[in-house]
């Protein structure tokens, strides 16, 4: 398989942090990068125009399982693919539906052929195997497609995870075959494999080794933040990242908090996605350089300071905390929209700065200071509320 056009530009001298660039069919993606999640063809509460101009996102996500159900991948394909359908002109990565093996465990049956899901919408059954996962993602016309994988829960026993690694490898082989038989690689699109292995280092390394042997354009670290502790999650990322090729992008799926992102960048990870920014926004929570703030708190009632003057987003600097608190408490949708814009820009800009620091050669000291300030702010707020 043709190597991903991923250029490694710089490596930090004191950590494993990297700065690079992934060439995708709809544009280049500088790394490290945070990818807003648009599961059903929309990043919740955010116009595609604002994703580009305000959030300054370089790449976003869609989901094979959900878009296959609604509105249907054939309908999207007929309209020029997911980007054209939703009005987003930048790169898109699509998850294969493997996470739903975990999140919808009560609604599926799986074997070596694939997964039979019972739709969470109407109870109807449909099958998603490696060939189907590739077919759907080809129809969505995403820039980066993911191999179908089996994502076990964090507390699964070793025997279960051994089987998940075996099946994930089998499916990756079949996904690669289906991918190579299509015209996808010739269109500048890329297929990433997903390493599993749970909390077991031997299994993590086994999974990574098997996927690396397939010579895929990029690799993801899956099966994290699925019920395990934070320390276990970070250990899993570290042990897997070390086993992945230095000249391919490394994508940690579905995580994490701002400090976790910086810690994983220091481990050599390049790409991240998480629903946290928009989900927190819908509950009145904003991320700042001094930790999270809950705008429902009474102490913000008369606070006329900007939400976060250090974030270059109009929602962050042009609205007072007092006004935003009013919107949140009144249940006005504008509150969730403005907080979503701020939180997304906060995450995207944090990784932009991490990239700049790697290039400047002072990532380690900057990252340590940033995390210390953030966690100190979190601790101070917890003391105030105690």
Protein backbone atom coordinates (compact mmCIF):
# COMPACT_ATOMS: atom_id res chain seq x y z
CA UNK A 1 0.00 0.00 0.00
CA UNK A 2 1.28 3.46 -0.88
CA UNK A 3 2.67 5.28 2.15
CA UNK A 4 0.66 8.13 3.59
CA UNK A 5 1.98 11.52 2.48
CA UNK A 6 2.73 12.35 6.12
CA UNK A 7 5.71 14.60 6.61
CA UNK A 8 7.34 14.60 10.04
CA UNK A 9 8.62 18.15 10.46
CA UNK A 10 10.08 18.20 13.96
CA UNK A 11 10.46 16.14 17.14
CA UNK A 12 10.78 17.47 20.68
CA UNK A 13 14.16 16.81 22.27
CA UNK A 14 12.82 15.99 25.75
CA UNK A 15 9.60 14.10 24.93
CA UNK A 16 8.19 12.08 22.04
CA UNK A 17 6.08 15.03 20.84
CA UNK A 18 6.03 15.55 17.08
CA UNK A 19 4.95 18.16 14.54
CA UNK A 20 3.94 16.97 11.11
CA UNK A 21 1.53 17.35 8.23
CA UNK A 22 -0.91 14.89 6.69
CA UNK A 23 -1.81 15.47 3.05
CA UNK A 24 -5.47 14.64 2.47
CA UNK A 25 -7.55 14.81 -0.69
CA UNK A 26 -9.30 17.99 0.46
CA UNK A 27 -6.35 19.76 2.04
CA UNK A 28 -3.38 19.39 4.35
CA UNK A 29 -3.77 18.73 8.08
CA UNK A 30 -1.01 20.08 10.36
CA UNK A 31 -0.42 17.95 13.45
CA UNK A 32 -0.89 17.72 16.39
CA UNK A 33 -4.53 18.36 15.58
CA UNK A 34 -7.88 18.23 17.39
CA UNK A 35 -10.81 17.09 15.25
CA UNK A 36 -14.35 18.29 16.14
CA UNK A 37 -16.87 15.45 16.12
CA UNK A 38 -19.73 15.60 13.62
CA UNK A 39 -21.22 12.16 14.22
CA UNK A 40 -24.40 12.65 12.18
CA UNK A 41 -23.13 15.09 9.58
CA UNK A 42 -23.04 18.08 11.91
CA UNK A 43 -20.89 19.31 14.76
CA UNK A 44 -23.70 20.00 17.22
CA UNK A 45 -24.76 23.64 17.30
CA UNK A 46 -22.03 24.88 14.94
CA UNK A 47 -22.35 26.05 11.33
CA UNK A 48 -19.75 24.67 8.91
CA UNK A 49 -18.84 28.30 8.15
CA UNK A 50 -18.03 28.87 11.83
CA UNK A 51 -16.08 25.61 12.00
CA UNK A 52 -13.82 27.07 9.34
CA UNK A 53 -13.68 30.74 10.30
CA UNK A 54 -14.07 30.74 14.10
CA UNK A 55 -13.04 27.29 15.30
CA UNK A 56 -10.44 27.11 12.51
CA UNK A 57 -10.83 23.33 12.36
CA UNK A 58 -8.58 21.58 9.85
CA UNK A 59 -10.47 18.26 9.80
CA UNK A 60 -13.71 16.93 11.31
CA UNK A 61 -15.33 13.53 11.94
CA UNK A 62 -18.37 11.63 10.75
CA UNK A 63 -19.62 8.19 11.82
CA UNK A 64 -20.28 5.21 9.57
CA UNK A 65 -22.88 3.54 11.82
CA UNK A 66 -25.05 6.62 12.33
CA UNK A 67 -24.87 7.95 8.78
CA UNK A 68 -25.55 4.52 7.35
CA UNK A 69 -28.81 4.51 9.32
CA UNK A 70 -29.79 8.13 8.80
CA UNK A 71 -30.02 9.61 6.19
CA UNK A 72 -28.27 6.69 4.43
CA UNK A 73 -24.89 6.55 2.74
CA UNK A 74 -26.35 6.12 -0.74
CA UNK A 75 -28.29 9.36 -0.39
CA UNK A 76 -25.13 11.16 0.77
CA UNK A 77 -23.07 9.67 -2.06
CA UNK A 78 -25.59 10.89 -4.64
CA UNK A 79 -25.06 14.41 -3.28
CA UNK A 80 -21.31 14.41 -3.68
CA UNK A 81 -20.26 12.88 -0.38
CA UNK A 82 -20.52 13.95 3.24
CA UNK A 83 -18.57 17.20 2.87
CA UNK A 84 -20.71 18.41 -0.02
CA UNK A 85 -23.90 17.25 1.72
CA UNK A 86 -23.20 19.19 4.93
CA UNK A 87 -21.47 22.19 3.41
CA UNK A 88 -17.98 21.49 4.75
CA UNK A 89 -15.17 21.79 2.24
CA UNK A 90 -12.28 20.55 4.42
CA UNK A 91 -10.99 17.04 5.15
CA UNK A 92 -13.20 14.49 6.94
CA UNK A 93 -12.30 11.35 8.88
CA UNK A 94 -14.98 8.70 9.32
CA UNK A 95 -15.07 6.17 12.14
CA UNK A 96 -15.93 2.68 10.93
CA UNK A 97 -18.64 1.89 13.45
CA UNK A 98 -16.32 -0.16 15.65
CA UNK A 99 -16.93 2.03 18.69
CA UNK A 100 -20.61 1.11 18.50
CA UNK A 101 -19.54 -2.49 19.13
CA UNK A 102 -18.77 -1.18 22.62
CA UNK A 103 -21.36 1.56 23.11
CA UNK A 104 -24.28 -0.46 21.70
CA UNK A 105 -23.23 -3.83 23.13
CA UNK A 106 -26.84 -4.73 24.00
CA UNK A 107 -27.96 -4.11 20.43
CA UNK A 108 -25.46 -6.22 18.47
CA UNK A 109 -24.14 -9.69 17.79
CA UNK A 110 -20.70 -10.24 16.32
CA UNK A 111 -18.64 -12.99 14.75
CA UNK A 112 -15.66 -13.14 12.40
CA UNK A 113 -17.80 -11.98 9.49
CA UNK A 114 -18.79 -8.72 11.16
CA UNK A 115 -21.49 -7.17 13.37
CA UNK A 116 -25.24 -7.52 13.20
CA UNK A 117 -26.76 -4.43 14.79
CA UNK A 118 -30.31 -3.85 15.91
CA UNK A 119 -30.92 -0.22 15.06
CA UNK A 120 -31.30 2.08 18.08
CA UNK A 121 -33.83 4.03 15.99
CA UNK A 122 -36.42 1.43 14.99
CA UNK A 123 -35.07 -1.98 16.01
CA UNK A 124 -34.43 -3.16 12.45
CA UNK A 125 -31.37 -5.33 11.87
CA UNK A 126 -28.49 -4.58 9.54
CA UNK A 127 -25.06 -6.08 9.02
CA UNK A 128 -21.74 -4.23 9.11
CA UNK A 129 -18.66 -6.22 8.14
CA UNK A 130 -15.28 -5.11 6.79
CA UNK A 131 -16.55 -4.89 3.21
CA UNK A 132 -19.66 -2.97 4.29
CA UNK A 133 -17.63 -0.58 6.45
CA UNK A 134 -15.44 0.27 3.48
CA UNK A 135 -18.42 0.54 1.12
CA UNK A 136 -20.18 3.01 3.42
CA UNK A 137 -17.06 5.12 3.93
CA UNK A 138 -16.41 5.14 0.19
CA UNK A 139 -19.95 6.42 -0.30
CA UNK A 140 -19.37 9.11 2.33
CA UNK A 141 -16.19 10.04 0.41
CA UNK A 142 -14.20 10.77 3.57
CA UNK A 143 -10.51 11.65 3.31
CA UNK A 144 -9.53 9.19 6.04
CA UNK A 145 -11.46 5.94 6.56
CA UNK A 146 -11.02 3.61 9.52
CA UNK A 147 -10.82 -0.18 9.51
CA UNK A 148 -13.64 -1.93 11.31
CA UNK A 149 -12.52 -3.04 14.77
CA UNK A 150 -13.87 -4.68 17.89
CA UNK A 151 -13.69 -2.26 20.81
CA UNK A 152 -14.00 -4.12 24.15
CA UNK A 153 -14.86 -2.46 27.45
CA UNK A 154 -12.10 -1.33 29.78
CA UNK A 155 -12.91 -3.99 32.36
CA UNK A 156 -13.06 -6.91 29.90
CA UNK A 157 -11.05 -9.97 30.91
CA UNK A 158 -7.89 -10.98 29.10
CA UNK A 159 -9.54 -13.82 27.18
CA UNK A 160 -12.13 -11.40 25.76
CA UNK A 161 -9.47 -8.91 24.70
CA UNK A 162 -7.33 -11.64 23.09
CA UNK A 163 -10.33 -12.47 20.93
CA UNK A 164 -10.94 -8.76 20.18
CA UNK A 165 -7.34 -8.34 19.02
CA UNK A 166 -7.56 -11.43 16.80
CA UNK A 167 -10.83 -10.29 15.25
CA UNK A 168 -9.65 -6.69 14.83
CA UNK A 169 -6.59 -7.93 12.93
CA UNK A 170 -8.72 -10.19 10.74
CA UNK A 171 -11.09 -7.34 9.94
CA UNK A 172 -8.20 -4.97 9.18
CA UNK A 173 -6.87 -7.46 6.63
CA UNK A 174 -10.28 -7.69 5.01
CA UNK A 175 -10.74 -3.91 5.08
CA UNK A 176 -7.40 -3.45 3.34
CA UNK A 177 -8.40 -5.96 0.65
CA UNK A 178 -11.71 -4.18 0.10
CA UNK A 179 -9.97 -0.81 0.09
CA UNK A 180 -7.37 -1.84 -2.49
CA UNK A 181 -10.05 -3.29 -4.75
CA UNK A 182 -11.83 0.07 -4.80
CA UNK A 183 -10.49 3.25 -6.38
CA UNK A 184 -10.06 4.90 -2.98
CA UNK A 185 -6.25 5.03 -2.75
CA UNK A 186 -6.02 6.64 -6.20
CA UNK A 187 -8.23 9.50 -5.02
CA UNK A 188 -5.81 10.62 -2.32
CA UNK A 189 -7.83 8.99 0.44
CA UNK A 190 -6.28 7.02 3.29
CA UNK A 191 -7.15 3.93 5.35
CA UNK A 192 -6.10 3.77 9.02
CA UNK A 193 -5.95 0.66 11.18
CA UNK A 194 -7.00 0.61 14.84
CA UNK A 195 -4.85 -1.06 17.49
CA UNK A 196 -6.65 -2.69 20.41
CA UNK A 197 -5.39 -4.70 23.38
CA UNK A 198 -7.03 -3.14 26.41
CA UNK A 199 -4.89 -2.68 29.51
CA UNK A 200 -2.58 -5.60 28.62
CA UNK A 201 0.77 -4.49 27.24
CA UNK A 202 1.49 -7.79 25.50
CA UNK A 203 -1.82 -7.60 23.65
CA UNK A 204 -1.33 -3.93 22.77
CA UNK A 205 2.02 -4.75 21.23
CA UNK A 206 0.62 -7.81 19.46
CA UNK A 207 -2.16 -5.74 17.92
CA UNK A 208 0.17 -2.94 16.85
CA UNK A 209 2.68 -5.37 15.33
CA UNK A 210 0.00 -7.13 13.30
CA UNK A 211 -1.39 -3.87 11.94
CA UNK A 212 2.04 -2.42 11.15
CA UNK A 213 2.68 -5.54 9.05
CA UNK A 214 -0.25 -4.49 6.84
CA UNK A 215 1.61 -1.27 5.93
CA UNK A 216 -1.42 0.99 6.25
CA UNK A 217 -1.17 4.76 5.72
CA UNK A 218 -1.88 5.54 9.38
CA UNK A 219 -2.77 3.99 12.72
CA UNK A 220 -5.16 4.70 15.57
CA UNK A 221 -5.03 3.76 19.23
CA UNK A 222 -8.49 2.48 20.06
CA UNK A 223 -10.20 1.00 23.09
CA UNK A 224 -9.23 3.81 25.46
CA UNK A 225 -11.49 5.79 27.79
CA UNK A 226 -13.98 2.91 27.82
CA UNK A 227 -14.23 2.47 31.57
CA UNK A 228 -10.60 2.24 32.69
CA UNK A 229 -8.87 4.75 34.98
CA UNK A 230 -7.05 7.79 33.62
CA UNK A 231 -3.66 6.33 34.49
CA UNK A 232 -4.53 3.08 32.71
CA UNK A 233 -5.69 5.04 29.67
CA UNK A 234 -2.46 7.02 29.47
CA UNK A 235 -0.38 3.87 29.95
CA UNK A 236 -2.22 2.23 27.04
CA UNK A 237 -1.57 5.19 24.78
CA UNK A 238 2.12 5.29 25.71
CA UNK A 239 2.76 1.58 25.17
CA UNK A 240 0.91 1.55 21.84
CA UNK A 241 2.42 4.75 20.43
CA UNK A 242 5.92 3.38 20.95
CA UNK A 243 5.07 0.37 18.80
CA UNK A 244 3.72 2.38 15.85
CA UNK A 245 5.82 3.60 12.89
CA UNK A 246 7.57 6.90 13.29
CA UNK A 247 6.70 7.98 9.75
CA UNK A 248 2.93 7.40 9.99
CA UNK A 249 0.30 9.49 11.79
CA UNK A 250 -0.92 8.24 15.19
CA UNK A 251 -4.53 8.92 16.12
CA UNK A 252 -5.89 8.46 19.66
CA UNK A 253 -9.63 7.91 19.38
CA UNK A 254 -12.29 9.61 21.49
CA UNK A 255 -10.22 11.49 24.10
CA UNK A 256 -9.55 13.59 26.17
CA UNK A 257 -9.29 16.54 28.60
CA UNK A 258 -6.86 19.37 27.76
CA UNK A 259 -4.12 18.08 30.11
CA UNK A 260 -4.60 14.54 28.77
CA UNK A 261 -4.16 15.79 25.22
CA UNK A 262 -0.84 17.43 26.05
CA UNK A 263 0.34 14.34 27.92
CA UNK A 264 -0.52 12.13 24.94
CA UNK A 265 1.20 14.49 22.53
CA UNK A 266 4.30 14.08 24.71
CA UNK A 267 3.91 10.31 24.13
CA UNK A 268 4.04 10.78 20.36
CA UNK A 269 0.34 11.01 19.43
CA UNK A 270 -0.69 13.29 16.55
CA UNK A 271 -4.48 13.28 16.09
CA UNK A 272 -7.38 13.43 18.54
CA UNK A 273 -11.17 13.71 18.61
CA UNK A 274 -13.63 14.03 21.47
CA UNK A 275 -17.26 15.07 22.01
CA UNK A 276 -16.29 16.74 25.28
CA UNK A 277 -16.13 20.36 24.05
CA UNK A 278 -19.67 20.47 22.67
CA UNK A 279 -21.19 18.14 25.28
CA UNK A 280 -19.79 20.27 28.10
CA UNK A 281 -21.05 23.40 26.37
CA UNK A 282 -24.62 22.06 26.31
CA UNK A 283 -24.38 21.69 30.08
CA UNK A 284 -23.08 25.22 30.70
CA UNK A 285 -19.39 24.32 31.13
CA UNK A 286 -16.56 26.24 29.49
CA UNK A 287 -12.88 25.34 29.28
CA UNK A 288 -10.30 28.00 30.12
CA UNK A 289 -6.55 28.09 30.63
CA UNK A 290 -7.29 28.01 34.37
CA UNK A 291 -9.56 24.99 34.22
CA UNK A 292 -13.24 24.41 33.62
CA UNK A 293 -15.92 26.79 34.83
CA UNK A 294 -19.59 25.99 35.34
CA UNK A 295 -21.50 29.09 34.30
CA UNK A 296 -24.56 27.98 36.26
CA UNK A 297 -22.63 28.92 39.38
CA UNK A 298 -24.06 31.99 41.16
CA UNK A 299 -20.66 33.66 41.40
CA UNK A 300 -20.75 34.42 37.65
CA UNK A 301 -24.05 36.35 37.92
CA UNK A 302 -22.28 39.72 38.12
CA UNK A 303 -19.04 38.74 36.38
CA UNK A 304 -18.53 41.14 33.47
CA UNK A 305 -15.18 39.69 32.42
CA UNK A 306 -14.90 37.87 29.08
CA UNK A 307 -15.27 34.12 29.06
CA UNK A 308 -11.59 33.63 28.25
CA UNK A 309 -9.61 36.57 26.87
CA UNK A 310 -6.74 34.24 25.90
CA UNK A 311 -8.81 32.36 23.29
CA UNK A 312 -9.09 34.08 19.89
CA UNK A 313 -12.79 33.45 19.37
CA UNK A 314 -15.50 36.12 19.33
CA UNK A 315 -17.58 34.05 21.73
CA UNK A 316 -14.62 34.00 24.12
CA UNK A 317 -13.87 37.72 24.18
CA UNK A 318 -17.03 39.62 23.14
CA UNK A 319 -19.50 38.21 25.67
CA UNK A 320 -19.38 38.53 29.44
CA UNK A 321 -19.62 35.60 31.78
CA UNK A 322 -22.67 37.29 33.28
CA UNK A 323 -24.51 37.31 29.93
CA UNK A 324 -23.47 33.78 29.06
CA UNK A 325 -24.66 32.61 32.50
CA UNK A 326 -28.02 34.26 31.81
CA UNK A 327 -28.35 32.41 28.50
CA UNK A 328 -27.43 29.08 30.10
CA UNK A 329 -29.80 29.50 33.06
CA UNK A 330 -32.62 30.68 30.79
CA UNK A 331 -32.19 27.65 28.56
CA UNK A 332 -31.54 29.80 25.49
CA UNK A 333 -29.93 27.85 22.66
CA UNK A 334 -27.57 30.75 21.96
CA UNK A 335 -25.78 29.91 25.20
CA UNK A 336 -24.94 26.40 24.04
CA UNK A 337 -23.93 27.69 20.60
CA UNK A 338 -21.54 30.33 21.95
CA UNK A 339 -20.04 27.93 24.49
CA UNK A 340 -19.62 25.27 21.79
CA UNK A 341 -17.74 27.73 19.59
CA UNK A 342 -15.52 28.75 22.49
CA UNK A 343 -14.80 25.21 23.70
CA UNK A 344 -14.02 23.92 20.23
CA UNK A 345 -11.72 26.83 19.48
CA UNK A 346 -10.07 26.34 22.89
CA UNK A 347 -9.25 22.68 22.07
CA UNK A 348 -8.19 23.39 18.47
CA UNK A 349 -6.00 26.35 19.45
CA UNK A 350 -4.40 24.40 22.31
CA UNK A 351 -3.09 21.84 19.83
CA UNK A 352 -2.08 24.57 17.41
CA UNK A 353 0.07 26.01 20.19
CA UNK A 354 1.43 22.57 21.05
CA UNK A 355 2.52 22.23 17.42
CA UNK A 356 4.17 25.66 17.50
CA UNK A 357 6.02 24.73 20.68
CA UNK A 358 7.35 21.51 19.16
CA UNK A 359 8.60 23.50 16.18
CA UNK A 360 10.14 26.11 18.52
CA UNK A 361 11.84 23.43 20.63
CA UNK A 362 10.28 24.26 24.00
CA UNK A 363 7.27 21.93 24.08
CA UNK A 364 8.26 20.11 27.30
CA UNK A 365 8.62 23.21 29.49
CA UNK A 366 5.59 24.94 27.99
CA UNK A 367 3.39 21.84 28.33
CA UNK A 368 4.37 21.25 31.96
CA UNK A 369 3.64 24.88 32.85
CA UNK A 370 0.33 24.85 30.98
CA UNK A 371 -0.88 21.67 32.71
CA UNK A 372 0.22 22.99 36.11
CA UNK A 373 -1.75 26.23 35.65
CA UNK A 374 -4.84 24.39 34.40
CA UNK A 375 -4.85 21.85 37.21
CA UNK A 376 -4.16 24.50 39.84
CA UNK A 377 -7.22 26.40 38.61
CA UNK A 378 -9.31 23.24 38.77
CA UNK A 379 -8.13 22.59 42.31
CA UNK A 380 -8.87 26.13 43.46
CA UNK A 381 -12.46 25.91 42.15
CA UNK A 382 -13.00 22.58 43.89
CA UNK A 383 -11.82 24.15 47.15
CA UNK A 384 -14.24 27.07 46.68
CA UNK A 385 -17.17 24.70 46.14
CA UNK A 386 -16.25 22.41 49.03
